[in-house]
Amino acid sequence: LFGVILHIAYTARKHNAEAGLADVRAFLTDPSYQFADLLQQMIHETHTVPGDQLWEVTLLDGSVYQTATCPEVAMVAGEMAKKEERELSGILSTAVTKLQLYADPIIARHTQRSDFRMRDLVNGAHPMTLYVVVPPSDRRRLRPLVRIFLTQLLDQLTSDMTFENGRAASAFKHRLL
């Protein structure tokens, strides 16, 4: 999914739009294209906008060329294009299954963009409290979304964590309890 997410993000940026996981799902499930065609699109798409620097790619022979296609996107799509059809089908099916949550238009709309930064919870002007409330009737359906949110939150807030004398040395203004 990494390469597809990057491709969708760069493509949206070219059109001054925002992209979310619902857009990734829509790209992968577009009935007007075969998946092999989508991979070729990813390999050949221009991912830059005017004013961007081109990516430099160094080949095995040491030669260097510049490209407007994100090398990571092209590499992932190229690797996928080389897979056997049966394996590729399984990968696509798994990805679409994991993204099924974003078929819900309410979830798609509310996850399209964020209006806060996770670090603001601990470095904002004032202490904040975060409540994650899920109605019992939606608990099972929203479990993957809550898991993604909490994982991102923990990863973001612990990535620069340091320890002194066996205890966390906080670099934040506020504690998150």
N, C-alpha and C. Protein backbone atom coordinates (compact mmCIF):
# COMPACT_ATOMS: atom_id res chain seq x y z
N LEU A 1 0.81 -1.21 0.00
CA LEU A 1 0.00 0.00 0.00
C LEU A 1 0.85 1.27 0.00
N PHE A 2 2.07 1.16 0.52
CA PHE A 2 2.91 2.35 0.65
C PHE A 2 3.05 3.10 -0.67
N GLY A 3 3.39 2.39 -1.73
CA GLY A 3 3.58 3.02 -3.03
C GLY A 3 2.29 3.63 -3.56
N VAL A 4 1.18 2.96 -3.35
CA VAL A 4 -0.11 3.49 -3.81
C VAL A 4 -0.48 4.75 -3.03
N ILE A 5 -0.23 4.73 -1.72
CA ILE A 5 -0.54 5.91 -0.89
C ILE A 5 0.29 7.10 -1.37
N LEU A 6 1.58 6.88 -1.61
CA LEU A 6 2.42 7.97 -2.12
C LEU A 6 1.91 8.47 -3.46
N HIS A 7 1.59 7.55 -4.35
CA HIS A 7 1.09 7.93 -5.68
C HIS A 7 -0.17 8.78 -5.56
N ILE A 8 -1.10 8.37 -4.75
CA ILE A 8 -2.36 9.12 -4.57
C ILE A 8 -2.07 10.49 -3.96
N ALA A 9 -1.17 10.55 -2.99
CA ALA A 9 -0.84 11.83 -2.36
C ALA A 9 -0.19 12.79 -3.36
N TYR A 10 0.76 12.30 -4.16
CA TYR A 10 1.41 13.16 -5.15
C TYR A 10 0.42 13.59 -6.24
N THR A 11 -0.44 12.68 -6.66
CA THR A 11 -1.42 13.01 -7.69
C THR A 11 -2.40 14.06 -7.18
N ALA A 12 -2.85 13.92 -5.96
CA ALA A 12 -3.77 14.90 -5.37
C ALA A 12 -3.08 16.27 -5.27
N ARG A 13 -1.82 16.26 -4.86
CA ARG A 13 -1.06 17.51 -4.73
C ARG A 13 -0.98 18.25 -6.07
N LYS A 14 -0.83 17.50 -7.15
CA LYS A 14 -0.78 18.13 -8.48
C LYS A 14 -2.07 18.88 -8.79
N HIS A 15 -3.17 18.43 -8.21
CA HIS A 15 -4.47 19.03 -8.48
C HIS A 15 -4.94 19.91 -7.31
N ASN A 16 -4.00 20.29 -6.44
CA ASN A 16 -4.33 21.11 -5.26
C ASN A 16 -5.47 20.51 -4.45
N ALA A 17 -5.46 19.21 -4.31
CA ALA A 17 -6.50 18.51 -3.55
C ALA A 17 -5.85 17.76 -2.39
N GLU A 18 -6.69 17.32 -1.48
CA GLU A 18 -6.22 16.48 -0.38
C GLU A 18 -6.58 15.04 -0.71
N ALA A 19 -5.81 14.13 -0.17
CA ALA A 19 -6.06 12.71 -0.42
C ALA A 19 -6.13 11.98 0.91
N GLY A 20 -6.95 10.96 0.93
CA GLY A 20 -7.09 10.13 2.12
C GLY A 20 -7.12 8.66 1.72
N LEU A 21 -7.27 7.82 2.71
CA LEU A 21 -7.30 6.38 2.43
C LEU A 21 -8.52 5.98 1.61
N ALA A 22 -9.58 6.76 1.66
CA ALA A 22 -10.73 6.49 0.80
C ALA A 22 -10.34 6.64 -0.67
N ASP A 23 -9.45 7.59 -0.96
CA ASP A 23 -8.96 7.77 -2.33
C ASP A 23 -8.08 6.60 -2.76
N VAL A 24 -7.31 6.07 -1.83
CA VAL A 24 -6.49 4.89 -2.13
C VAL A 24 -7.41 3.72 -2.47
N ARG A 25 -8.45 3.53 -1.67
CA ARG A 25 -9.41 2.46 -1.93
C ARG A 25 -10.08 2.65 -3.29
N ALA A 26 -10.48 3.88 -3.59
CA ALA A 26 -11.15 4.16 -4.87
C ALA A 26 -10.21 3.86 -6.05
N PHE A 27 -8.95 4.20 -5.91
CA PHE A 27 -7.96 3.93 -6.95
C PHE A 27 -7.83 2.43 -7.19
N LEU A 28 -7.74 1.67 -6.11
CA LEU A 28 -7.55 0.22 -6.23
C LEU A 28 -8.79 -0.51 -6.72
N THR A 29 -9.95 0.07 -6.52
CA THR A 29 -11.20 -0.62 -6.89
C THR A 29 -11.87 -0.01 -8.11
N ASP A 30 -11.19 0.89 -8.80
CA ASP A 30 -11.77 1.54 -9.98
C ASP A 30 -12.09 0.49 -11.04
N PRO A 31 -13.38 0.29 -11.35
CA PRO A 31 -13.75 -0.78 -12.28
C PRO A 31 -13.37 -0.49 -13.74
N SER A 32 -13.00 0.73 -14.04
CA SER A 32 -12.67 1.06 -15.43
C SER A 32 -11.22 0.72 -15.80
N TYR A 33 -10.43 0.22 -14.82
CA TYR A 33 -9.04 -0.14 -15.08
C TYR A 33 -8.74 -1.53 -14.56
N GLN A 34 -7.85 -2.21 -15.24
CA GLN A 34 -7.25 -3.43 -14.73
C GLN A 34 -6.13 -3.00 -13.79
N PHE A 35 -5.82 -3.81 -12.79
CA PHE A 35 -4.79 -3.45 -11.83
C PHE A 35 -3.44 -3.26 -12.52
N ALA A 36 -3.15 -4.04 -13.53
CA ALA A 36 -1.88 -3.91 -14.27
C ALA A 36 -1.78 -2.52 -14.91
N ASP A 37 -2.92 -1.98 -15.37
CA ASP A 37 -2.92 -0.63 -15.95
C ASP A 37 -2.64 0.42 -14.88
N LEU A 38 -3.18 0.21 -13.70
CA LEU A 38 -2.93 1.14 -12.59
C LEU A 38 -1.45 1.14 -12.20
N LEU A 39 -0.84 -0.03 -12.22
CA LEU A 39 0.59 -0.12 -11.91
C LEU A 39 1.41 0.64 -12.95
N GLN A 40 1.04 0.50 -14.22
CA GLN A 40 1.76 1.24 -15.28
C GLN A 40 1.57 2.74 -15.10
N GLN A 41 0.37 3.15 -14.70
CA GLN A 41 0.12 4.57 -14.43
C GLN A 41 1.05 5.07 -13.33
N MET A 42 1.20 4.27 -12.26
CA MET A 42 2.07 4.66 -11.15
C MET A 42 3.53 4.77 -11.60
N ILE A 43 3.95 3.89 -12.48
CA ILE A 43 5.34 3.88 -12.96
C ILE A 43 5.65 5.10 -13.82
N HIS A 44 4.65 5.57 -14.58
CA HIS A 44 4.91 6.63 -15.56
C HIS A 44 4.34 7.99 -15.20
N GLU A 45 3.62 8.09 -14.11
CA GLU A 45 2.97 9.35 -13.71
C GLU A 45 4.00 10.41 -13.33
N THR A 46 3.74 11.65 -13.67
CA THR A 46 4.55 12.77 -13.19
C THR A 46 4.04 13.13 -11.80
N HIS A 47 4.91 13.04 -10.82
CA HIS A 47 4.51 13.31 -9.44
C HIS A 47 4.95 14.69 -8.94
N THR A 48 5.62 15.43 -9.78
CA THR A 48 6.08 16.75 -9.37
C THR A 48 5.12 17.83 -9.87
N VAL A 49 5.22 18.99 -9.25
CA VAL A 49 4.51 20.18 -9.71
C VAL A 49 5.56 21.20 -10.09
N PRO A 50 5.20 22.20 -10.90
CA PRO A 50 6.20 23.21 -11.28
C PRO A 50 6.88 23.80 -10.04
N GLY A 51 8.19 23.88 -10.11
CA GLY A 51 8.96 24.40 -8.99
C GLY A 51 9.60 23.31 -8.14
N ASP A 52 9.10 22.09 -8.26
CA ASP A 52 9.68 20.97 -7.51
C ASP A 52 11.01 20.57 -8.13
N GLN A 53 11.89 20.06 -7.29
CA GLN A 53 13.11 19.46 -7.80
C GLN A 53 12.77 18.06 -8.30
N LEU A 54 13.49 17.63 -9.32
CA LEU A 54 13.33 16.27 -9.80
C LEU A 54 14.07 15.33 -8.87
N TRP A 55 13.65 14.07 -8.84
CA TRP A 55 14.37 13.06 -8.07
C TRP A 55 15.57 12.60 -8.87
N GLU A 56 16.66 12.34 -8.18
CA GLU A 56 17.83 11.76 -8.83
C GLU A 56 17.88 10.28 -8.50
N VAL A 57 18.05 9.48 -9.53
CA VAL A 57 18.09 8.03 -9.37
C VAL A 57 19.45 7.54 -9.84
N THR A 58 20.10 6.77 -9.00
CA THR A 58 21.39 6.17 -9.36
C THR A 58 21.16 4.71 -9.71
N LEU A 59 21.58 4.35 -10.90
CA LEU A 59 21.43 2.97 -11.37
C LEU A 59 22.58 2.11 -10.88
N LEU A 60 22.45 0.81 -11.04
CA LEU A 60 23.49 -0.12 -10.59
C LEU A 60 24.84 0.13 -11.25
N ASP A 61 24.81 0.63 -12.48
CA ASP A 61 26.08 0.90 -13.17
C ASP A 61 26.69 2.24 -12.75
N GLY A 62 26.04 2.95 -11.83
CA GLY A 62 26.56 4.21 -11.33
C GLY A 62 26.04 5.44 -12.06
N SER A 63 25.36 5.22 -13.18
CA SER A 63 24.82 6.37 -13.91
C SER A 63 23.64 6.97 -13.15
N VAL A 64 23.44 8.25 -13.33
CA VAL A 64 22.41 8.99 -12.61
C VAL A 64 21.47 9.64 -13.61
N TYR A 65 20.19 9.58 -13.34
CA TYR A 65 19.23 10.32 -14.16
C TYR A 65 18.21 10.99 -13.25
N GLN A 66 17.56 12.00 -13.78
CA GLN A 66 16.53 12.71 -13.04
C GLN A 66 15.17 12.32 -13.56
N THR A 67 14.19 12.31 -12.66
CA THR A 67 12.84 11.91 -13.04
C THR A 67 11.80 12.70 -12.26
N ALA A 68 10.66 12.90 -12.91
CA ALA A 68 9.53 13.57 -12.25
C ALA A 68 8.59 12.54 -11.61
N THR A 69 8.90 11.26 -11.78
CA THR A 69 8.14 10.19 -11.16
C THR A 69 8.84 9.80 -9.87
N CYS A 70 8.10 9.74 -8.78
CA CYS A 70 8.70 9.36 -7.50
C CYS A 70 9.34 7.97 -7.65
N PRO A 71 10.63 7.87 -7.40
CA PRO A 71 11.31 6.58 -7.56
C PRO A 71 10.73 5.48 -6.68
N GLU A 72 10.30 5.82 -5.48
CA GLU A 72 9.73 4.82 -4.57
C GLU A 72 8.42 4.26 -5.14
N VAL A 73 7.60 5.15 -5.69
CA VAL A 73 6.34 4.72 -6.30
C VAL A 73 6.63 3.81 -7.49
N ALA A 74 7.54 4.25 -8.35
CA ALA A 74 7.88 3.46 -9.54
C ALA A 74 8.46 2.11 -9.16
N MET A 75 9.31 2.08 -8.13
CA MET A 75 9.94 0.83 -7.71
C MET A 75 8.89 -0.15 -7.17
N VAL A 76 8.02 0.34 -6.31
CA VAL A 76 6.98 -0.54 -5.74
C VAL A 76 6.06 -1.04 -6.84
N ALA A 77 5.63 -0.15 -7.73
CA ALA A 77 4.74 -0.56 -8.82
C ALA A 77 5.45 -1.54 -9.75
N GLY A 78 6.72 -1.31 -10.01
CA GLY A 78 7.48 -2.23 -10.86
C GLY A 78 7.60 -3.61 -10.24
N GLU A 79 7.85 -3.65 -8.93
CA GLU A 79 7.92 -4.94 -8.22
C GLU A 79 6.58 -5.66 -8.29
N MET A 80 5.50 -4.91 -8.11
CA MET A 80 4.17 -5.52 -8.15
C MET A 80 3.86 -6.04 -9.55
N ALA A 81 4.24 -5.28 -10.57
CA ALA A 81 3.95 -5.67 -11.95
C ALA A 81 4.64 -6.98 -12.33
N LYS A 82 5.72 -7.32 -11.65
CA LYS A 82 6.47 -8.55 -11.96
C LYS A 82 5.90 -9.78 -11.26
N LYS A 83 4.96 -9.58 -10.38
CA LYS A 83 4.40 -10.72 -9.64
C LYS A 83 3.45 -11.53 -10.51
N GLU A 84 3.34 -12.80 -10.15
CA GLU A 84 2.40 -13.69 -10.83
C GLU A 84 0.98 -13.15 -10.62
N GLU A 85 0.12 -13.37 -11.57
CA GLU A 85 -1.24 -12.83 -11.50
C GLU A 85 -1.98 -13.30 -10.24
N ARG A 86 -1.80 -14.55 -9.88
CA ARG A 86 -2.48 -15.08 -8.69
C ARG A 86 -2.01 -14.38 -7.41
N GLU A 87 -0.69 -14.18 -7.29
CA GLU A 87 -0.13 -13.50 -6.11
C GLU A 87 -0.59 -12.04 -6.09
N LEU A 88 -0.56 -11.40 -7.24
CA LEU A 88 -0.98 -10.01 -7.36
C LEU A 88 -2.45 -9.86 -6.97
N SER A 89 -3.26 -10.80 -7.39
CA SER A 89 -4.68 -10.79 -7.05
C SER A 89 -4.89 -10.90 -5.54
N GLY A 90 -4.10 -11.77 -4.91
CA GLY A 90 -4.20 -11.92 -3.46
C GLY A 90 -3.79 -10.67 -2.71
N ILE A 91 -2.73 -10.01 -3.19
CA ILE A 91 -2.27 -8.77 -2.56
C ILE A 91 -3.32 -7.68 -2.71
N LEU A 92 -3.87 -7.56 -3.90
CA LEU A 92 -4.91 -6.55 -4.15
C LEU A 92 -6.14 -6.81 -3.29
N SER A 93 -6.54 -8.06 -3.22
CA SER A 93 -7.71 -8.43 -2.42
C SER A 93 -7.50 -8.10 -0.94
N THR A 94 -6.32 -8.38 -0.43
CA THR A 94 -6.01 -8.08 0.97
C THR A 94 -6.03 -6.57 1.21
N ALA A 95 -5.43 -5.81 0.30
CA ALA A 95 -5.40 -4.35 0.45
C ALA A 95 -6.81 -3.76 0.44
N VAL A 96 -7.62 -4.21 -0.50
CA VAL A 96 -8.99 -3.69 -0.60
C VAL A 96 -9.79 -4.07 0.64
N THR A 97 -9.59 -5.27 1.15
CA THR A 97 -10.28 -5.70 2.37
C THR A 97 -9.91 -4.80 3.54
N LYS A 98 -8.61 -4.50 3.68
CA LYS A 98 -8.15 -3.64 4.78
C LYS A 98 -8.70 -2.23 4.65
N LEU A 99 -8.97 -1.80 3.43
CA LEU A 99 -9.47 -0.44 3.20
C LEU A 99 -10.99 -0.36 3.13
N GLN A 100 -11.67 -1.46 3.35
CA GLN A 100 -13.13 -1.50 3.24
C GLN A 100 -13.82 -0.48 4.14
N LEU A 101 -13.25 -0.21 5.28
CA LEU A 101 -13.80 0.77 6.21
C LEU A 101 -14.03 2.12 5.53
N TYR A 102 -13.16 2.47 4.58
CA TYR A 102 -13.24 3.77 3.92
C TYR A 102 -14.27 3.82 2.79
N ALA A 103 -15.00 2.72 2.58
CA ALA A 103 -16.12 2.73 1.64
C ALA A 103 -17.30 3.49 2.24
N ASP A 104 -17.33 3.60 3.55
CA ASP A 104 -18.37 4.35 4.25
C ASP A 104 -18.16 5.83 4.00
N PRO A 105 -19.10 6.53 3.36
CA PRO A 105 -18.89 7.94 3.00
C PRO A 105 -18.67 8.85 4.22
N ILE A 106 -19.24 8.51 5.34
CA ILE A 106 -19.05 9.33 6.55
C ILE A 106 -17.61 9.20 7.02
N ILE A 107 -17.10 7.99 7.06
CA ILE A 107 -15.71 7.78 7.48
C ILE A 107 -14.76 8.40 6.45
N ALA A 108 -15.06 8.23 5.18
CA ALA A 108 -14.22 8.81 4.13
C ALA A 108 -14.14 10.33 4.30
N ARG A 109 -15.27 10.97 4.52
CA ARG A 109 -15.29 12.43 4.66
C ARG A 109 -14.54 12.89 5.90
N HIS A 110 -14.72 12.18 7.01
CA HIS A 110 -14.12 12.61 8.27
C HIS A 110 -12.65 12.22 8.42
N THR A 111 -12.15 11.40 7.53
CA THR A 111 -10.72 11.05 7.59
C THR A 111 -9.95 11.67 6.43
N GLN A 112 -10.61 12.48 5.65
CA GLN A 112 -9.97 13.11 4.49
C GLN A 112 -8.87 14.09 4.92
N ARG A 113 -9.09 14.77 6.02
CA ARG A 113 -8.10 15.72 6.51
C ARG A 113 -8.16 15.79 8.03
N SER A 114 -7.13 16.36 8.61
CA SER A 114 -7.06 16.50 10.06
C SER A 114 -6.96 17.98 10.39
N ASP A 115 -7.60 18.38 11.48
CA ASP A 115 -7.54 19.79 11.87
C ASP A 115 -6.72 19.99 13.14
N PHE A 116 -5.95 18.98 13.51
CA PHE A 116 -5.03 19.14 14.63
C PHE A 116 -3.79 18.29 14.41
N ARG A 117 -2.73 18.65 15.10
CA ARG A 117 -1.51 17.86 15.04
C ARG A 117 -1.40 17.11 16.35
N MET A 118 -0.98 15.87 16.26
CA MET A 118 -0.91 15.03 17.46
C MET A 118 0.04 15.61 18.50
N ARG A 119 1.10 16.23 18.06
CA ARG A 119 2.06 16.82 19.01
C ARG A 119 1.44 17.97 19.79
N ASP A 120 0.37 18.58 19.27
CA ASP A 120 -0.31 19.65 20.00
C ASP A 120 -0.90 19.15 21.32
N LEU A 121 -1.15 17.86 21.43
CA LEU A 121 -1.67 17.31 22.67
C LEU A 121 -0.68 17.49 23.82
N VAL A 122 0.59 17.48 23.52
CA VAL A 122 1.61 17.60 24.56
C VAL A 122 2.45 18.88 24.45
N ASN A 123 2.36 19.57 23.33
CA ASN A 123 3.14 20.79 23.15
C ASN A 123 2.29 22.00 22.81
N GLY A 124 0.98 21.90 22.96
CA GLY A 124 0.10 23.03 22.66
C GLY A 124 0.27 24.13 23.69
N ALA A 125 -0.37 25.26 23.42
CA ALA A 125 -0.30 26.40 24.33
C ALA A 125 -0.88 26.07 25.70
N HIS A 126 -1.88 25.21 25.71
CA HIS A 126 -2.55 24.83 26.96
C HIS A 126 -2.67 23.31 27.01
N PRO A 127 -2.70 22.74 28.21
CA PRO A 127 -2.90 21.29 28.32
C PRO A 127 -4.24 20.90 27.69
N MET A 128 -4.27 19.73 27.10
CA MET A 128 -5.49 19.24 26.46
C MET A 128 -5.84 17.86 27.00
N THR A 129 -7.08 17.52 26.83
CA THR A 129 -7.54 16.18 27.14
C THR A 129 -8.10 15.59 25.86
N LEU A 130 -7.74 14.37 25.59
CA LEU A 130 -8.23 13.68 24.41
C LEU A 130 -9.14 12.54 24.86
N TYR A 131 -10.36 12.56 24.39
CA TYR A 131 -11.29 11.47 24.65
C TYR A 131 -11.57 10.78 23.32
N VAL A 132 -11.38 9.49 23.28
CA VAL A 132 -11.73 8.70 22.11
C VAL A 132 -12.98 7.93 22.50
N VAL A 133 -14.11 8.34 21.93
CA VAL A 133 -15.40 7.75 22.29
C VAL A 133 -16.00 7.10 21.06
N VAL A 134 -16.33 5.85 21.19
CA VAL A 134 -16.94 5.10 20.09
C VAL A 134 -18.24 4.50 20.61
N PRO A 135 -19.36 4.79 19.95
CA PRO A 135 -20.62 4.19 20.38
C PRO A 135 -20.52 2.66 20.33
N PRO A 136 -21.09 1.99 21.31
CA PRO A 136 -21.01 0.52 21.34
C PRO A 136 -21.48 -0.14 20.04
N SER A 137 -22.47 0.45 19.39
CA SER A 137 -22.99 -0.14 18.16
C SER A 137 -21.97 -0.07 17.01
N ASP A 138 -21.00 0.84 17.11
CA ASP A 138 -20.00 1.01 16.05
C ASP A 138 -18.62 0.46 16.42
N ARG A 139 -18.52 -0.11 17.60
CA ARG A 139 -17.21 -0.53 18.11
C ARG A 139 -16.50 -1.48 17.16
N ARG A 140 -17.16 -2.49 16.72
CA ARG A 140 -16.51 -3.48 15.84
C ARG A 140 -16.13 -2.87 14.49
N ARG A 141 -17.03 -2.09 13.93
CA ARG A 141 -16.79 -1.50 12.61
C ARG A 141 -15.66 -0.48 12.64
N LEU A 142 -15.54 0.28 13.73
CA LEU A 142 -14.55 1.34 13.81
C LEU A 142 -13.23 0.91 14.48
N ARG A 143 -13.16 -0.32 14.93
CA ARG A 143 -11.95 -0.81 15.59
C ARG A 143 -10.69 -0.55 14.76
N PRO A 144 -10.68 -0.83 13.45
CA PRO A 144 -9.44 -0.57 12.68
C PRO A 144 -9.07 0.92 12.65
N LEU A 145 -10.07 1.78 12.59
CA LEU A 145 -9.80 3.21 12.56
C LEU A 145 -9.22 3.70 13.88
N VAL A 146 -9.78 3.24 14.98
CA VAL A 146 -9.28 3.61 16.30
C VAL A 146 -7.86 3.06 16.48
N ARG A 147 -7.63 1.86 16.02
CA ARG A 147 -6.29 1.26 16.12
C ARG A 147 -5.26 2.07 15.33
N ILE A 148 -5.62 2.50 14.12
CA ILE A 148 -4.71 3.32 13.31
C ILE A 148 -4.41 4.63 14.03
N PHE A 149 -5.46 5.26 14.55
CA PHE A 149 -5.28 6.54 15.24
C PHE A 149 -4.36 6.39 16.45
N LEU A 150 -4.63 5.41 17.28
CA LEU A 150 -3.83 5.24 18.49
C LEU A 150 -2.39 4.84 18.16
N THR A 151 -2.21 4.03 17.15
CA THR A 151 -0.85 3.66 16.73
C THR A 151 -0.09 4.88 16.25
N GLN A 152 -0.73 5.70 15.42
CA GLN A 152 -0.07 6.92 14.95
C GLN A 152 0.25 7.85 16.12
N LEU A 153 -0.68 7.97 17.04
CA LEU A 153 -0.48 8.84 18.20
C LEU A 153 0.74 8.37 19.01
N LEU A 154 0.78 7.09 19.33
CA LEU A 154 1.90 6.57 20.11
C LEU A 154 3.22 6.66 19.36
N ASP A 155 3.20 6.33 18.08
CA ASP A 155 4.43 6.43 17.28
C ASP A 155 4.94 7.87 17.24
N GLN A 156 4.03 8.79 17.02
CA GLN A 156 4.40 10.20 16.92
C GLN A 156 4.96 10.75 18.24
N LEU A 157 4.33 10.39 19.33
CA LEU A 157 4.71 10.96 20.61
C LEU A 157 5.88 10.23 21.29
N THR A 158 6.22 9.05 20.82
CA THR A 158 7.34 8.33 21.44
C THR A 158 8.55 8.22 20.53
N SER A 159 8.48 8.78 19.33
CA SER A 159 9.58 8.63 18.37
C SER A 159 10.88 9.28 18.86
N ASP A 160 10.78 10.36 19.60
CA ASP A 160 11.97 11.06 20.08
C ASP A 160 12.17 10.86 21.59
N MET A 161 11.57 9.86 22.13
CA MET A 161 11.61 9.64 23.57
C MET A 161 13.02 9.29 24.03
N THR A 162 13.44 9.94 25.11
CA THR A 162 14.74 9.64 25.71
C THR A 162 14.53 9.27 27.17
N PHE A 163 15.54 8.63 27.74
CA PHE A 163 15.43 8.17 29.12
C PHE A 163 16.62 8.66 29.93
N GLU A 164 16.36 9.01 31.18
CA GLU A 164 17.41 9.39 32.13
C GLU A 164 17.15 8.64 33.43
N ASN A 165 18.16 7.96 33.92
CA ASN A 165 18.04 7.20 35.16
C ASN A 165 16.86 6.22 35.14
N GLY A 166 16.65 5.61 34.00
CA GLY A 166 15.60 4.60 33.89
C GLY A 166 14.19 5.16 33.76
N ARG A 167 14.05 6.47 33.63
CA ARG A 167 12.73 7.10 33.50
C ARG A 167 12.70 7.94 32.24
N ALA A 168 11.52 8.08 31.69
CA ALA A 168 11.37 8.91 30.49
C ALA A 168 11.67 10.36 30.82
N ALA A 169 12.51 10.97 30.01
CA ALA A 169 12.83 12.40 30.15
C ALA A 169 11.94 13.15 29.16
N SER A 170 10.96 13.83 29.65
CA SER A 170 9.98 14.48 28.79
C SER A 170 10.54 15.73 28.13
N ALA A 171 10.34 15.82 26.84
CA ALA A 171 10.70 17.01 26.09
C ALA A 171 9.45 17.81 25.76
N PHE A 172 8.33 17.43 26.36
CA PHE A 172 7.04 18.06 26.07
C PHE A 172 6.67 19.07 27.15
N LYS A 173 5.84 20.02 26.77
CA LYS A 173 5.34 21.01 27.74
C LYS A 173 4.36 20.38 28.73
N HIS A 174 3.54 19.45 28.24
CA HIS A 174 2.48 18.88 29.05
C HIS A 174 2.54 17.36 29.01
N ARG A 175 2.06 16.74 30.07
CA ARG A 175 1.97 15.28 30.11
C ARG A 175 0.67 14.83 29.46
N LEU A 176 0.73 13.73 28.79
CA LEU A 176 -0.47 13.14 28.22
C LEU A 176 -0.79 11.93 29.06
N LEU A 177 -1.94 11.97 29.71
CA LEU A 177 -2.32 10.90 30.61
C LEU A 177 -3.33 9.98 29.96
